[in-house]
Amino acid sequence: MNLLSLSISHHTASVDVREKMWLSVDETKQALQQLKKRYFNECVLVSTCNRTELYGMTSTVQYQDGELKKFLIDFKKAGDNVRPEHFVGSFAGGAVNHLFKVAAGIDSMVIGDIQILNQVKKAFNVASEVDALGPILNRLKQSTLHVGKRTRAETTICEGAVSVSYAAVELASKIFEDLSKKSALLIGAGKTGELTVKHLMGKGIGEVRVANRTRAKAESLVSSFGVGSVVDYEDMVDGLRAVDIVITSVNSPSYIVQPEDVHKVMKQRSNNPLFIIDIGVPRNVNPASKKIDNVFLYDIDSLGTIVDKNLGKRKAEIPKVTTIIREEMVDFFRWYNSLQVGPTIHEFRDALEAIRQEEVQKNINRFRPEDRELVELVTKRIVNKILHQPTTTLKRAAENGIKGKETIFRIEALRELFGIKGDRKDRNEE
């Protein structure tokens, strides 16, 4: 199989190198058109923040990946930052296996990444728009998407929060049944705190308020959310009374929220549950506050423990995903090998039948008229018996799926031994 892949990713390059190879949709289309014209029958480019990968079907098993690496680097004018050794390549089964791992989320920086499957799907769709896909990569697209869908349906590798911010939101969802009726206060506009609020908004949080030492930054953040209001930093403790979720992310040498503050607030709110996410380092909320009834306090360490536990669960699912990938590879290569086997068997049968007919026609007059029908029958049976073993062997090889090289070797040997001519490229594209 003449499929190759080239990849630059978080495995091989730092973010400052990877970002130089990121391709916009328009750049992707331009690159694909040039790649197809110069190197490939079919090709696709996947480009995300963590990887840029090329997959292509060449017209020959001989290829020079150095030239392709140079093309990609030159296309992005990234020669000052990106070197050929930042890329890794795979061929045939290795390329398919790598793509399936990417789609399943087990090659991602965060195991079980739920976004990558849609990104891969989008990449194939973009390639289709510029007519860079053919029958092989179209089939590979369907197999790849099936891997991703099976992974999500048959395993739990995408379940459980694996970031501190999302772990906090998952906990909030368990404490409060309907977040749309709840409100949140962000104290300090730190990056993780801001991300936590965005996750809450994604879950439909009812209201967001922001308190920050610099009021202008709080106002800017509220404006970026599109909803919410600003609370004066001096009034932040009083602000605990009117919200259900508090996220603190302040750079302070001492606690900004003390147990007595929380105790007073809880009386004012009739002991309704208060969920506090302390992401400050050092901590912003005195840990003694968690002893107060209906107060749920989590700091960055406790959230990190949840994240580590969920990551462990995801890693435990990798063997199941690997099994799915193996099964889908067998199905894909069984289909691919059938493209090679079918035409060869047909042409082999035609070649032997032509020989049979030629010899019968040469000698048919030597037989009595009443025996000529028997000659046809006997010679056809002889041809069928000759055909039986090689065609059966080829079909079995194709059914092995992943043993593509062995199947192709047998096909080529058969064609050479019996002088069967034909354009290999055309057969691959049938």
Protein backbone atom coordinates (compact mmCIF):
# COMPACT_ATOMS: atom_id res chain seq x y z
CA MET A 1 0.00 0.00 0.00
CA ASN A 2 1.51 3.31 -1.09
CA LEU A 3 0.22 5.39 1.84
CA LEU A 4 2.64 7.55 3.78
CA SER A 5 2.30 9.99 6.65
CA LEU A 6 4.49 12.80 7.98
CA SER A 7 3.82 14.29 11.40
CA ILE A 8 5.12 17.12 13.54
CA SER A 9 3.43 17.07 16.94
CA HIS A 10 3.83 17.56 20.68
CA HIS A 11 5.84 14.33 20.65
CA THR A 12 8.54 15.82 18.45
CA ALA A 13 8.49 19.60 18.82
CA SER A 14 7.83 22.36 21.34
CA VAL A 15 4.85 24.68 20.93
CA ASP A 16 6.96 27.51 19.50
CA VAL A 17 8.03 25.12 16.71
CA ARG A 18 4.61 23.53 16.18
CA GLU A 19 2.85 26.87 15.82
CA LYS A 20 5.07 27.71 12.84
CA MET A 21 3.59 24.72 10.98
CA TRP A 22 -0.07 25.44 11.79
CA LEU A 23 -2.16 25.76 8.61
CA SER A 24 -5.32 27.79 8.19
CA VAL A 25 -8.12 26.34 6.05
CA ASP A 26 -7.08 28.47 3.08
CA GLU A 27 -3.43 27.46 3.50
CA THR A 28 -4.47 23.82 3.77
CA LYS A 29 -6.36 24.01 0.49
CA GLN A 30 -3.44 25.66 -1.29
CA ALA A 31 -0.95 23.13 0.07
CA LEU A 32 -3.15 20.16 -0.88
CA GLN A 33 -3.55 21.38 -4.43
CA GLN A 34 0.23 21.67 -4.83
CA LEU A 35 0.91 18.34 -3.09
CA LYS A 36 -1.54 16.49 -5.31
CA LYS A 37 -0.12 18.07 -8.43
CA ARG A 38 3.49 17.24 -7.53
CA TYR A 39 3.50 14.12 -5.36
CA PHE A 40 0.20 12.34 -4.71
CA ASN A 41 -2.86 10.76 -6.24
CA GLU A 42 -4.74 11.57 -3.02
CA CYS A 43 -3.80 13.51 0.12
CA VAL A 44 -5.11 15.10 3.31
CA LEU A 45 -3.62 17.53 5.86
CA VAL A 46 -4.59 17.59 9.54
CA SER A 47 -3.51 20.75 11.36
CA THR A 48 -4.30 21.57 15.01
CA CYS A 49 -2.53 23.41 17.81
CA ASN A 50 -0.68 20.21 18.73
CA ARG A 51 0.04 18.63 15.34
CA THR A 52 0.34 19.11 11.60
CA GLU A 53 0.17 15.84 9.68
CA LEU A 54 0.21 14.88 6.02
CA TYR A 55 -1.28 11.65 4.67
CA GLY A 56 -0.91 10.79 1.00
CA MET A 57 -1.22 8.00 -1.55
CA THR A 58 1.79 7.94 -3.86
CA SER A 59 1.81 6.41 -7.33
CA THR A 60 4.83 4.28 -6.41
CA VAL A 61 6.16 2.54 -3.31
CA GLN A 62 9.39 4.52 -3.74
CA TYR A 63 9.29 7.97 -2.15
CA GLN A 64 11.61 10.51 -0.57
CA ASP A 65 10.11 11.97 2.59
CA GLY A 66 12.93 14.51 2.78
CA GLU A 67 11.49 16.31 -0.22
CA LEU A 68 8.05 16.35 1.38
CA LYS A 69 9.41 17.70 4.65
CA LYS A 70 11.16 20.45 2.72
CA PHE A 71 7.94 21.25 0.86
CA LEU A 72 5.95 21.67 4.10
CA ILE A 73 8.65 23.75 5.80
CA ASP A 74 9.11 25.96 2.73
CA PHE A 75 5.35 26.34 2.27
CA LYS A 76 5.10 27.83 5.76
CA LYS A 77 8.40 29.74 5.38
CA ALA A 78 9.40 28.13 8.68
CA GLY A 79 12.99 27.17 7.92
CA ASP A 80 14.36 29.33 10.73
CA ASN A 81 12.45 27.35 13.36
CA VAL A 82 11.45 23.97 11.94
CA ARG A 83 13.93 21.26 10.97
CA PRO A 84 13.35 17.99 9.09
CA GLU A 85 14.09 16.00 12.27
CA HIS A 86 10.98 17.52 13.86
CA PHE A 87 8.94 15.27 11.54
CA VAL A 88 8.38 11.55 11.86
CA GLY A 89 7.10 9.38 9.04
CA SER A 90 5.14 6.17 8.69
CA PHE A 91 4.27 3.98 5.74
CA ALA A 92 1.33 1.74 4.81
CA GLY A 93 0.01 0.00 7.94
CA GLY A 94 2.04 2.27 10.21
CA ALA A 95 0.41 5.36 8.67
CA VAL A 96 -3.09 3.91 9.07
CA ASN A 97 -2.38 2.86 12.65
CA HIS A 98 -1.11 6.35 13.50
CA LEU A 99 -4.18 8.07 12.02
CA PHE A 100 -6.50 5.73 13.93
CA LYS A 101 -4.65 6.50 17.19
CA VAL A 102 -5.01 10.22 16.53
CA ALA A 103 -8.75 9.92 15.86
CA ALA A 104 -9.23 7.77 18.97
CA GLY A 105 -7.53 10.39 21.15
CA ILE A 106 -4.75 8.16 22.48
CA ASP A 107 -2.03 10.09 20.65
CA SER A 108 -3.20 13.44 22.05
CA MET A 109 -1.41 15.53 24.64
CA VAL A 110 -4.44 14.87 26.87
CA ILE A 111 -5.46 11.22 26.52
CA GLY A 112 -9.05 10.91 25.36
CA ASP A 113 -9.17 14.34 23.69
CA ILE A 114 -12.77 14.77 22.54
CA GLN A 115 -12.06 17.51 19.99
CA ILE A 116 -9.57 15.71 17.75
CA LEU A 117 -12.13 13.50 15.97
CA ASN A 118 -14.04 16.53 14.67
CA GLN A 119 -10.74 18.14 13.65
CA VAL A 120 -9.79 15.03 11.66
CA LYS A 121 -13.24 14.95 10.06
CA LYS A 122 -12.93 18.62 9.10
CA ALA A 123 -9.50 17.94 7.56
CA PHE A 124 -10.94 15.23 5.30
CA ASN A 125 -13.84 17.49 4.33
CA VAL A 126 -11.43 20.29 3.39
CA ALA A 127 -9.44 17.83 1.25
CA SER A 128 -12.65 16.75 -0.45
CA GLU A 129 -13.49 20.38 -1.28
CA VAL A 130 -10.32 20.71 -3.35
CA ASP A 131 -10.72 17.26 -4.94
CA ALA A 132 -7.70 15.87 -3.08
CA LEU A 133 -9.51 12.72 -1.95
CA GLY A 134 -9.91 9.58 -4.02
CA PRO A 135 -11.34 6.11 -3.36
CA ILE A 136 -8.59 5.01 -0.94
CA LEU A 137 -8.61 8.05 1.35
CA ASN A 138 -12.39 8.30 1.16
CA ARG A 139 -12.57 4.77 2.52
CA LEU A 140 -9.85 5.61 5.06
CA LYS A 141 -11.92 8.59 6.19
CA GLN A 142 -14.92 6.37 6.91
CA SER A 143 -12.76 3.86 8.78
CA THR A 144 -11.09 6.63 10.79
CA LEU A 145 -14.40 8.17 11.85
CA HIS A 146 -15.67 4.70 12.76
CA VAL A 147 -12.65 4.20 15.03
CA GLY A 148 -13.43 7.47 16.80
CA LYS A 149 -17.13 6.70 17.18
CA ARG A 150 -16.48 3.17 18.45
CA THR A 151 -13.92 4.49 20.92
CA ARG A 152 -16.47 6.86 22.42
CA ALA A 153 -19.28 4.30 22.39
CA GLU A 154 -17.38 1.23 23.63
CA THR A 155 -14.87 2.75 26.08
CA THR A 156 -14.80 5.45 28.78
CA ILE A 157 -11.52 6.98 27.61
CA CYS A 158 -13.15 10.38 27.03
CA GLU A 159 -14.92 10.49 30.39
CA GLY A 160 -13.82 12.27 33.56
CA ALA A 161 -12.27 15.74 33.89
CA VAL A 162 -8.56 15.89 33.11
CA SER A 163 -8.00 19.59 33.73
CA VAL A 164 -8.27 21.48 37.02
CA SER A 165 -10.80 23.92 35.60
CA TYR A 166 -13.05 21.23 34.18
CA ALA A 167 -12.76 19.10 37.31
CA ALA A 168 -14.12 22.05 39.26
CA VAL A 169 -17.07 22.38 36.90
CA GLU A 170 -17.85 18.65 37.09
CA LEU A 171 -17.93 18.91 40.88
CA ALA A 172 -20.21 21.93 40.68
CA SER A 173 -22.55 19.97 38.42
CA LYS A 174 -22.78 17.21 41.03
CA ILE A 175 -23.48 19.61 43.90
CA PHE A 176 -26.02 21.71 42.01
CA GLU A 177 -28.59 19.88 39.94
CA ASP A 178 -29.42 22.81 37.64
CA LEU A 179 -26.58 25.27 37.03
CA SER A 180 -28.84 27.52 34.95
CA LYS A 181 -30.46 28.65 38.19
CA LYS A 182 -27.12 29.32 39.93
CA SER A 183 -24.63 32.19 39.93
CA ALA A 184 -20.82 32.36 40.16
CA LEU A 185 -18.34 34.92 41.48
CA LEU A 186 -14.79 35.01 40.09
CA ILE A 187 -12.37 36.73 42.48
CA GLY A 188 -9.22 37.60 40.58
CA ALA A 189 -9.02 37.34 36.81
CA GLY A 190 -6.36 34.62 36.70
CA LYS A 191 -6.12 32.42 33.62
CA THR A 192 -7.30 29.20 35.29
CA GLY A 193 -10.12 31.03 37.07
CA GLU A 194 -11.23 32.60 33.81
CA LEU A 195 -11.15 29.19 32.10
CA THR A 196 -13.23 27.71 34.93
CA VAL A 197 -15.88 30.40 34.45
CA LYS A 198 -15.92 29.70 30.71
CA HIS A 199 -16.51 26.00 31.43
CA LEU A 200 -19.34 26.97 33.80
CA MET A 201 -20.86 29.12 31.09
CA GLY A 202 -20.59 26.18 28.75
CA LYS A 203 -22.66 24.24 31.28
CA GLY A 204 -25.28 27.02 31.28
CA ILE A 205 -24.46 28.87 34.51
CA GLY A 206 -27.16 31.45 35.20
CA GLU A 207 -25.05 34.48 36.15
CA VAL A 208 -21.38 35.45 36.36
CA ARG A 209 -19.84 38.21 38.51
CA VAL A 210 -16.18 39.29 38.56
CA ALA A 211 -14.16 41.01 41.29
CA ASN A 212 -10.59 42.10 40.60
CA ARG A 213 -8.13 44.55 42.15
CA THR A 214 -8.02 46.36 38.83
CA ARG A 215 -11.66 47.10 38.03
CA ALA A 216 -10.91 47.79 34.36
CA LYS A 217 -9.68 44.20 33.90
CA ALA A 218 -12.83 42.85 35.55
CA GLU A 219 -14.96 44.96 33.23
CA SER A 220 -12.98 43.73 30.22
CA LEU A 221 -13.49 40.13 31.29
CA VAL A 222 -17.24 40.58 31.80
CA SER A 223 -17.40 42.17 28.36
CA SER A 224 -15.62 39.18 26.82
CA PHE A 225 -18.13 36.82 28.49
CA GLY A 226 -20.98 38.81 27.00
CA VAL A 227 -22.93 38.46 30.26
CA GLY A 228 -22.44 39.22 33.96
CA SER A 229 -21.50 42.14 36.17
CA VAL A 230 -18.56 43.59 38.13
CA VAL A 231 -18.26 43.50 41.93
CA ASP A 232 -15.96 45.96 43.71
CA TYR A 233 -12.93 44.08 45.04
CA GLU A 234 -13.45 45.57 48.51
CA ASP A 235 -16.95 44.05 48.56
CA MET A 236 -15.92 40.56 47.49
CA VAL A 237 -16.63 38.90 50.86
CA ASP A 238 -20.10 40.38 50.91
CA GLY A 239 -20.44 39.12 47.35
CA LEU A 240 -20.31 35.54 48.64
CA ARG A 241 -23.77 36.04 50.07
CA ALA A 242 -25.47 36.41 46.70
CA VAL A 243 -23.79 33.59 44.69
CA ASP A 244 -23.63 29.79 44.75
CA ILE A 245 -20.16 29.22 43.32
CA VAL A 246 -16.98 31.14 44.17
CA ILE A 247 -13.75 30.85 42.20
CA THR A 248 -10.69 32.52 43.74
CA SER A 249 -7.52 33.11 41.75
CA VAL A 250 -5.66 35.94 43.51
CA ASN A 251 -1.94 36.40 44.07
CA SER A 252 -1.90 37.12 47.79
CA PRO A 253 0.56 36.22 50.59
CA SER A 254 -2.30 35.63 53.04
CA TYR A 255 -5.88 34.31 53.00
CA ILE A 256 -8.40 36.72 51.54
CA VAL A 257 -11.34 34.69 52.85
CA GLN A 258 -11.44 33.55 56.50
CA PRO A 259 -13.74 31.02 58.23
CA GLU A 260 -15.53 33.79 60.12
CA ASP A 261 -16.33 35.47 56.78
CA VAL A 262 -17.79 32.25 55.42
CA HIS A 263 -19.68 31.52 58.66
CA LYS A 264 -21.31 34.95 58.59
CA VAL A 265 -22.22 34.59 54.90
CA MET A 266 -23.74 31.14 55.41
CA LYS A 267 -26.10 32.51 58.07
CA GLN A 268 -27.20 35.24 55.69
CA ARG A 269 -27.89 32.73 52.94
CA SER A 270 -29.84 30.35 55.22
CA ASN A 271 -27.12 27.70 54.91
CA ASN A 272 -27.76 27.15 51.20
CA PRO A 273 -24.77 25.23 49.73
CA LEU A 274 -21.70 27.30 48.80
CA PHE A 275 -19.16 25.79 46.43
CA ILE A 276 -15.69 27.38 46.65
CA ILE A 277 -12.92 26.65 44.14
CA ASP A 278 -9.62 28.00 45.47
CA ILE A 279 -7.15 28.03 42.58
CA GLY A 280 -4.83 30.57 44.20
CA VAL A 281 -1.19 29.69 44.92
CA PRO A 282 -0.70 30.38 47.81
CA ARG A 283 -4.26 29.45 48.72
CA ASN A 284 -6.77 32.29 48.99
CA VAL A 285 -9.31 30.65 51.32
CA ASN A 286 -8.47 29.46 54.81
CA PRO A 287 -8.90 25.66 54.60
CA ALA A 288 -10.68 25.68 57.97
CA SER A 289 -13.67 27.08 56.07
CA LYS A 290 -14.51 23.61 54.75
CA LYS A 291 -15.55 22.58 58.29
CA ILE A 292 -18.62 24.82 58.02
CA ASP A 293 -21.83 23.01 57.13
CA ASN A 294 -22.85 23.08 53.45
CA VAL A 295 -19.52 24.61 52.42
CA PHE A 296 -17.69 22.64 49.71
CA LEU A 297 -14.11 23.88 49.43
CA TYR A 298 -11.63 22.51 46.91
CA ASP A 299 -8.11 23.79 46.34
CA ILE A 300 -5.80 23.13 43.40
CA ASP A 301 -4.29 20.03 45.07
CA SER A 302 -7.64 18.37 45.72
CA LEU A 303 -8.74 19.12 42.17
CA GLY A 304 -5.40 17.79 40.91
CA THR A 305 -6.06 14.51 42.75
CA ILE A 306 -9.36 14.19 40.89
CA VAL A 307 -7.61 14.92 37.59
CA ASP A 308 -4.89 12.32 38.27
CA LYS A 309 -7.51 9.72 39.15
CA ASN A 310 -9.44 10.39 35.95
CA LEU A 311 -6.25 10.26 33.90
CA GLY A 312 -5.50 6.88 35.42
CA LYS A 313 -8.94 5.65 34.40
CA ARG A 314 -8.43 6.90 30.87
CA LYS A 315 -5.04 5.22 30.56
CA ALA A 316 -6.62 1.96 31.71
CA GLU A 317 -8.93 2.14 28.68
CA ILE A 318 -6.09 2.28 26.15
CA PRO A 319 -5.94 -1.53 25.65
CA LYS A 320 -9.64 -1.50 24.69
CA VAL A 321 -9.00 1.30 22.20
CA THR A 322 -6.01 -0.57 20.79
CA THR A 323 -8.24 -3.59 20.18
CA ILE A 324 -10.75 -1.42 18.31
CA ILE A 325 -7.94 0.02 16.19
CA ARG A 326 -6.63 -3.45 15.38
CA GLU A 327 -10.09 -4.63 14.32
CA GLU A 328 -10.66 -1.59 12.13
CA MET A 329 -7.22 -1.98 10.54
CA VAL A 330 -8.04 -5.56 9.61
CA ASP A 331 -11.33 -4.43 8.03
CA PHE A 332 -9.67 -1.58 6.16
CA PHE A 333 -6.84 -3.69 4.76
CA ARG A 334 -9.21 -6.51 3.89
CA TRP A 335 -11.10 -3.99 1.77
CA TYR A 336 -7.89 -2.58 0.29
CA ASN A 337 -6.44 -6.00 -0.50
CA SER A 338 -9.68 -6.95 -2.23
CA LEU A 339 -8.96 -4.12 -4.69
CA GLN A 340 -5.72 -5.87 -5.57
CA VAL A 341 -7.05 -9.43 -5.57
CA GLY A 342 -10.32 -9.03 -7.48
CA PRO A 343 -8.89 -7.67 -10.76
CA THR A 344 -5.94 -10.08 -10.65
CA ILE A 345 -8.18 -13.15 -10.25
CA HIS A 346 -10.43 -11.90 -13.03
CA GLU A 347 -7.47 -11.27 -15.38
CA PHE A 348 -5.86 -14.61 -14.44
CA ARG A 349 -9.08 -16.44 -15.30
CA ASP A 350 -9.37 -14.52 -18.58
CA ALA A 351 -5.76 -15.37 -19.50
CA LEU A 352 -6.23 -19.12 -18.93
CA GLU A 353 -9.59 -19.10 -20.67
CA ALA A 354 -8.04 -17.42 -23.71
CA ILE A 355 -5.36 -20.13 -23.83
CA ARG A 356 -8.02 -22.86 -23.50
CA GLN A 357 -10.17 -21.43 -26.27
CA GLU A 358 -7.19 -20.97 -28.59
CA GLU A 359 -6.03 -24.57 -28.16
CA VAL A 360 -9.54 -26.00 -28.47
CA GLN A 361 -10.14 -24.06 -31.69
CA LYS A 362 -6.84 -25.31 -33.11
CA ASN A 363 -7.64 -28.95 -32.41
CA ILE A 364 -11.44 -29.20 -32.35
CA ASN A 365 -11.63 -30.68 -35.83
CA ARG A 366 -9.63 -33.69 -34.68
CA PHE A 367 -12.60 -34.76 -32.61
CA ARG A 368 -15.85 -36.25 -33.79
CA PRO A 369 -18.76 -33.78 -33.74
CA GLU A 370 -20.50 -35.75 -30.99
CA ASP A 371 -17.32 -35.46 -28.81
CA ARG A 372 -16.72 -31.74 -29.24
CA GLU A 373 -19.13 -30.72 -26.44
CA LEU A 374 -17.27 -33.09 -24.13
CA VAL A 375 -13.95 -31.45 -25.11
CA GLU A 376 -15.33 -28.04 -24.07
CA LEU A 377 -16.54 -29.42 -20.75
CA VAL A 378 -13.30 -31.28 -19.91
CA THR A 379 -10.99 -28.40 -20.84
CA LYS A 380 -13.06 -25.94 -18.79
CA ARG A 381 -12.86 -28.26 -15.80
CA ILE A 382 -9.09 -28.47 -16.20
CA VAL A 383 -8.81 -24.66 -16.22
CA ASN A 384 -11.06 -24.38 -13.16
CA LYS A 385 -8.91 -26.86 -11.25
CA ILE A 386 -5.75 -24.98 -12.20
CA LEU A 387 -7.37 -21.74 -11.04
CA HIS A 388 -8.72 -23.09 -7.78
CA GLN A 389 -5.58 -23.18 -5.61
CA PRO A 390 -4.01 -19.81 -6.58
CA THR A 391 -7.34 -17.94 -6.42
CA THR A 392 -8.17 -19.49 -3.05
CA THR A 393 -4.73 -18.57 -1.73
CA LEU A 394 -5.10 -14.97 -2.91
CA LYS A 395 -8.54 -14.61 -1.38
CA ARG A 396 -7.32 -15.97 1.95
CA ALA A 397 -4.39 -13.55 1.89
CA ALA A 398 -6.79 -10.67 1.33
CA GLU A 399 -8.95 -11.84 4.21
CA ASN A 400 -5.94 -11.64 6.52
CA GLY A 401 -6.33 -7.91 6.07
CA ILE A 402 -3.21 -6.52 7.67
CA LYS A 403 -0.76 -8.76 5.79
CA GLY A 404 -0.85 -6.42 2.83
CA LYS A 405 2.78 -6.84 1.75
CA GLU A 406 2.44 -10.60 1.50
CA THR A 407 -0.73 -10.28 -0.57
CA ILE A 408 0.83 -7.77 -2.94
CA PHE A 409 3.91 -10.00 -3.32
CA ARG A 410 1.72 -12.95 -4.30
CA ILE A 411 -0.24 -10.84 -6.75
CA GLU A 412 2.87 -9.55 -8.43
CA ALA A 413 4.39 -13.04 -8.59
CA LEU A 414 1.25 -14.46 -10.18
CA ARG A 415 1.04 -11.66 -12.74
CA GLU A 416 4.70 -12.05 -13.65
CA LEU A 417 4.58 -15.87 -13.90
CA PHE A 418 1.57 -15.85 -16.22
CA GLY A 419 2.45 -12.66 -18.09
CA ILE A 420 -0.68 -10.81 -16.97
CA LYS A 421 -0.34 -7.18 -18.00
CA GLY A 422 -2.16 -4.20 -16.54
CA ASP A 423 -1.73 -0.72 -15.06
CA ARG A 424 -1.21 -1.09 -11.29
CA LYS A 425 -2.12 2.53 -10.66
CA ASP A 426 -5.47 2.12 -12.41
CA ARG A 427 -6.28 -1.00 -10.42
CA ASN A 428 -5.49 0.79 -7.13
CA GLU A 429 -8.00 3.48 -8.00
CA GLU A 430 -10.86 1.13 -8.89
